[in-house]
N, C-alpha and C. Protein backbone atom coordinates (compact mmCIF):
# COMPACT_ATOMS: atom_id res chain seq x y z
N MET A 1 -13.65 -26.88 -27.46
CA MET A 1 -15.03 -27.01 -27.87
C MET A 1 -15.89 -26.06 -27.02
N ARG A 2 -16.71 -25.26 -27.70
CA ARG A 2 -17.60 -24.34 -27.00
C ARG A 2 -18.83 -25.06 -26.46
N LYS A 3 -19.30 -24.59 -25.31
CA LYS A 3 -20.54 -25.12 -24.77
C LYS A 3 -21.72 -24.56 -25.56
N PHE A 4 -22.76 -25.35 -25.64
CA PHE A 4 -23.99 -24.89 -26.28
C PHE A 4 -24.64 -23.84 -25.41
N SER A 5 -25.08 -22.77 -25.99
CA SER A 5 -25.76 -21.70 -25.27
C SER A 5 -27.08 -21.39 -25.96
N LEU A 6 -28.17 -21.62 -25.26
CA LEU A 6 -29.48 -21.33 -25.83
C LEU A 6 -29.61 -19.84 -26.13
N ALA A 7 -29.03 -19.02 -25.27
CA ALA A 7 -29.11 -17.57 -25.47
C ALA A 7 -28.51 -17.18 -26.83
N GLU A 8 -27.45 -17.85 -27.23
CA GLU A 8 -26.81 -17.55 -28.51
C GLU A 8 -27.63 -18.07 -29.69
N GLN A 9 -28.55 -18.98 -29.43
CA GLN A 9 -29.36 -19.59 -30.49
C GLN A 9 -30.80 -19.11 -30.48
N LYS A 10 -31.09 -18.09 -29.69
CA LYS A 10 -32.46 -17.65 -29.48
C LYS A 10 -33.20 -17.38 -30.79
N GLU A 11 -32.63 -16.59 -31.66
CA GLU A 11 -33.30 -16.23 -32.91
C GLU A 11 -33.58 -17.47 -33.76
N TYR A 12 -32.63 -18.38 -33.81
CA TYR A 12 -32.79 -19.62 -34.58
C TYR A 12 -33.98 -20.42 -34.06
N PHE A 13 -34.06 -20.59 -32.73
CA PHE A 13 -35.14 -21.36 -32.15
C PHE A 13 -36.49 -20.65 -32.26
N LEU A 14 -36.49 -19.33 -32.15
CA LEU A 14 -37.73 -18.58 -32.33
C LEU A 14 -38.25 -18.74 -33.75
N GLU A 15 -37.35 -18.75 -34.73
CA GLU A 15 -37.77 -18.93 -36.11
C GLU A 15 -38.36 -20.33 -36.32
N ILE A 16 -37.70 -21.34 -35.78
CA ILE A 16 -38.22 -22.71 -35.90
C ILE A 16 -39.58 -22.81 -35.22
N ALA A 17 -39.70 -22.25 -34.02
CA ALA A 17 -40.96 -22.31 -33.28
C ALA A 17 -42.08 -21.61 -34.04
N SER A 18 -41.76 -20.50 -34.69
CA SER A 18 -42.80 -19.76 -35.42
C SER A 18 -43.28 -20.52 -36.65
N LYS A 19 -42.49 -21.45 -37.16
CA LYS A 19 -42.84 -22.20 -38.36
C LYS A 19 -43.39 -23.59 -38.04
N THR A 20 -43.39 -23.96 -36.77
CA THR A 20 -43.80 -25.30 -36.37
C THR A 20 -45.21 -25.27 -35.80
N ASP A 21 -45.97 -26.29 -36.11
CA ASP A 21 -47.32 -26.42 -35.59
C ASP A 21 -47.30 -26.37 -34.06
N LYS A 22 -48.19 -25.58 -33.50
CA LYS A 22 -48.19 -25.37 -32.04
C LYS A 22 -48.50 -26.65 -31.27
N ARG A 23 -49.29 -27.52 -31.84
CA ARG A 23 -49.56 -28.79 -31.15
C ARG A 23 -48.30 -29.66 -31.11
N VAL A 24 -47.52 -29.63 -32.15
CA VAL A 24 -46.26 -30.38 -32.16
C VAL A 24 -45.33 -29.83 -31.07
N LEU A 25 -45.27 -28.51 -30.95
CA LEU A 25 -44.44 -27.91 -29.90
C LEU A 25 -44.97 -28.27 -28.51
N ALA A 26 -46.28 -28.33 -28.35
CA ALA A 26 -46.87 -28.69 -27.06
C ALA A 26 -46.53 -30.13 -26.69
N ILE A 27 -46.62 -31.02 -27.64
CA ILE A 27 -46.26 -32.43 -27.39
C ILE A 27 -44.80 -32.53 -27.01
N TRP A 28 -43.95 -31.82 -27.72
CA TRP A 28 -42.52 -31.81 -27.42
C TRP A 28 -42.27 -31.28 -26.00
N ALA A 29 -42.97 -30.21 -25.64
CA ALA A 29 -42.81 -29.63 -24.30
C ALA A 29 -43.21 -30.62 -23.22
N ILE A 30 -44.32 -31.32 -23.42
CA ILE A 30 -44.75 -32.32 -22.44
C ILE A 30 -43.70 -33.41 -22.29
N GLU A 31 -43.17 -33.88 -23.41
CA GLU A 31 -42.15 -34.93 -23.35
C GLU A 31 -40.91 -34.46 -22.60
N CYS A 32 -40.52 -33.21 -22.80
CA CYS A 32 -39.36 -32.67 -22.08
C CYS A 32 -39.63 -32.59 -20.59
N VAL A 33 -40.79 -32.08 -20.22
CA VAL A 33 -41.14 -31.93 -18.81
C VAL A 33 -41.23 -33.29 -18.12
N GLU A 34 -41.81 -34.26 -18.79
CA GLU A 34 -41.97 -35.58 -18.17
C GLU A 34 -40.62 -36.21 -17.83
N ARG A 35 -39.59 -35.88 -18.56
CA ARG A 35 -38.26 -36.44 -18.29
C ARG A 35 -37.66 -35.95 -16.98
N VAL A 36 -38.05 -34.74 -16.55
CA VAL A 36 -37.45 -34.16 -15.35
C VAL A 36 -38.46 -33.88 -14.24
N MET A 37 -39.71 -34.20 -14.46
CA MET A 37 -40.76 -33.90 -13.49
C MET A 37 -40.48 -34.52 -12.13
N TYR A 38 -39.88 -35.69 -12.11
CA TYR A 38 -39.59 -36.35 -10.84
C TYR A 38 -38.70 -35.50 -9.95
N LEU A 39 -37.82 -34.71 -10.53
CA LEU A 39 -36.95 -33.84 -9.74
C LEU A 39 -37.77 -32.78 -9.01
N PHE A 40 -38.73 -32.20 -9.69
CA PHE A 40 -39.61 -31.21 -9.07
C PHE A 40 -40.46 -31.88 -8.00
N GLU A 41 -41.02 -33.02 -8.33
CA GLU A 41 -41.92 -33.71 -7.39
C GLU A 41 -41.20 -34.16 -6.13
N GLU A 42 -39.94 -34.52 -6.23
CA GLU A 42 -39.18 -34.91 -5.05
C GLU A 42 -39.08 -33.76 -4.05
N LYS A 43 -38.92 -32.57 -4.55
CA LYS A 43 -38.71 -31.40 -3.69
C LYS A 43 -40.02 -30.72 -3.30
N TYR A 44 -41.01 -30.74 -4.18
CA TYR A 44 -42.25 -30.00 -3.96
C TYR A 44 -43.46 -30.92 -4.15
N ARG A 45 -43.53 -31.96 -3.34
CA ARG A 45 -44.58 -32.97 -3.49
C ARG A 45 -46.00 -32.40 -3.47
N ALA A 46 -46.23 -31.41 -2.64
CA ALA A 46 -47.58 -30.87 -2.48
C ALA A 46 -47.99 -29.92 -3.61
N ASP A 47 -47.06 -29.47 -4.40
CA ASP A 47 -47.36 -28.49 -5.45
C ASP A 47 -47.83 -29.22 -6.71
N LYS A 48 -49.10 -29.12 -6.98
CA LYS A 48 -49.70 -29.82 -8.13
C LYS A 48 -49.86 -28.92 -9.35
N ARG A 49 -49.37 -27.68 -9.28
CA ARG A 49 -49.52 -26.77 -10.42
C ARG A 49 -48.89 -27.29 -11.70
N PRO A 50 -47.68 -27.84 -11.67
CA PRO A 50 -47.11 -28.35 -12.93
C PRO A 50 -47.93 -29.49 -13.53
N LEU A 51 -48.44 -30.37 -12.67
CA LEU A 51 -49.28 -31.46 -13.17
C LEU A 51 -50.57 -30.92 -13.78
N ARG A 52 -51.14 -29.91 -13.15
CA ARG A 52 -52.35 -29.29 -13.69
C ARG A 52 -52.04 -28.61 -15.03
N ALA A 53 -50.91 -27.96 -15.12
CA ALA A 53 -50.52 -27.31 -16.38
C ALA A 53 -50.37 -28.34 -17.50
N LEU A 54 -49.78 -29.47 -17.19
CA LEU A 54 -49.64 -30.53 -18.20
C LEU A 54 -51.00 -31.06 -18.60
N GLU A 55 -51.90 -31.20 -17.63
CA GLU A 55 -53.26 -31.67 -17.92
C GLU A 55 -53.97 -30.70 -18.87
N VAL A 56 -53.87 -29.41 -18.58
CA VAL A 56 -54.51 -28.39 -19.43
C VAL A 56 -53.89 -28.41 -20.83
N LEU A 57 -52.59 -28.56 -20.90
CA LEU A 57 -51.92 -28.60 -22.21
C LEU A 57 -52.36 -29.83 -23.00
N ARG A 58 -52.48 -30.97 -22.34
CA ARG A 58 -52.97 -32.18 -23.03
C ARG A 58 -54.39 -31.98 -23.55
N GLU A 59 -55.24 -31.34 -22.74
CA GLU A 59 -56.61 -31.06 -23.17
C GLU A 59 -56.60 -30.15 -24.40
N TRP A 60 -55.73 -29.14 -24.38
CA TRP A 60 -55.63 -28.23 -25.52
C TRP A 60 -55.18 -28.98 -26.78
N ILE A 61 -54.23 -29.88 -26.61
CA ILE A 61 -53.77 -30.68 -27.76
C ILE A 61 -54.94 -31.47 -28.34
N ASP A 62 -55.79 -32.02 -27.47
CA ASP A 62 -56.92 -32.83 -27.91
C ASP A 62 -58.07 -32.03 -28.52
N ASN A 63 -58.38 -30.86 -27.90
CA ASN A 63 -59.58 -30.17 -28.35
C ASN A 63 -59.39 -28.69 -28.72
N GLY A 64 -58.19 -28.17 -28.55
CA GLY A 64 -57.92 -26.80 -28.92
C GLY A 64 -58.46 -25.74 -27.98
N ILE A 65 -58.92 -26.17 -26.78
CA ILE A 65 -59.52 -25.24 -25.84
C ILE A 65 -58.72 -25.23 -24.53
N PHE A 66 -58.37 -24.02 -24.06
CA PHE A 66 -57.76 -23.88 -22.74
C PHE A 66 -58.86 -23.64 -21.72
N LYS A 67 -58.80 -24.37 -20.60
CA LYS A 67 -59.77 -24.16 -19.51
C LYS A 67 -59.04 -23.68 -18.28
C-alpha cells in the first residue's frame, strides 16, 4: 500500500480549492489548526501570532474584512 502524498495530489486539491467557497475553506483551516494548536503552544507559549492569525481569519469569515 502506497502512502498518501499531498505533493502527488497538488493539482487535484488546487482544483477543489479553486471551486470551493473561500469562507468554507477558512472554516476548514481553522478546524484543522485547532486540532494541533496545543502542540505549538506547548513549545512556543509566548508566541501569539498563530492565535492572532486565527482571530483575523474568524473576523474575515464574519465580515469579509482583513485587519
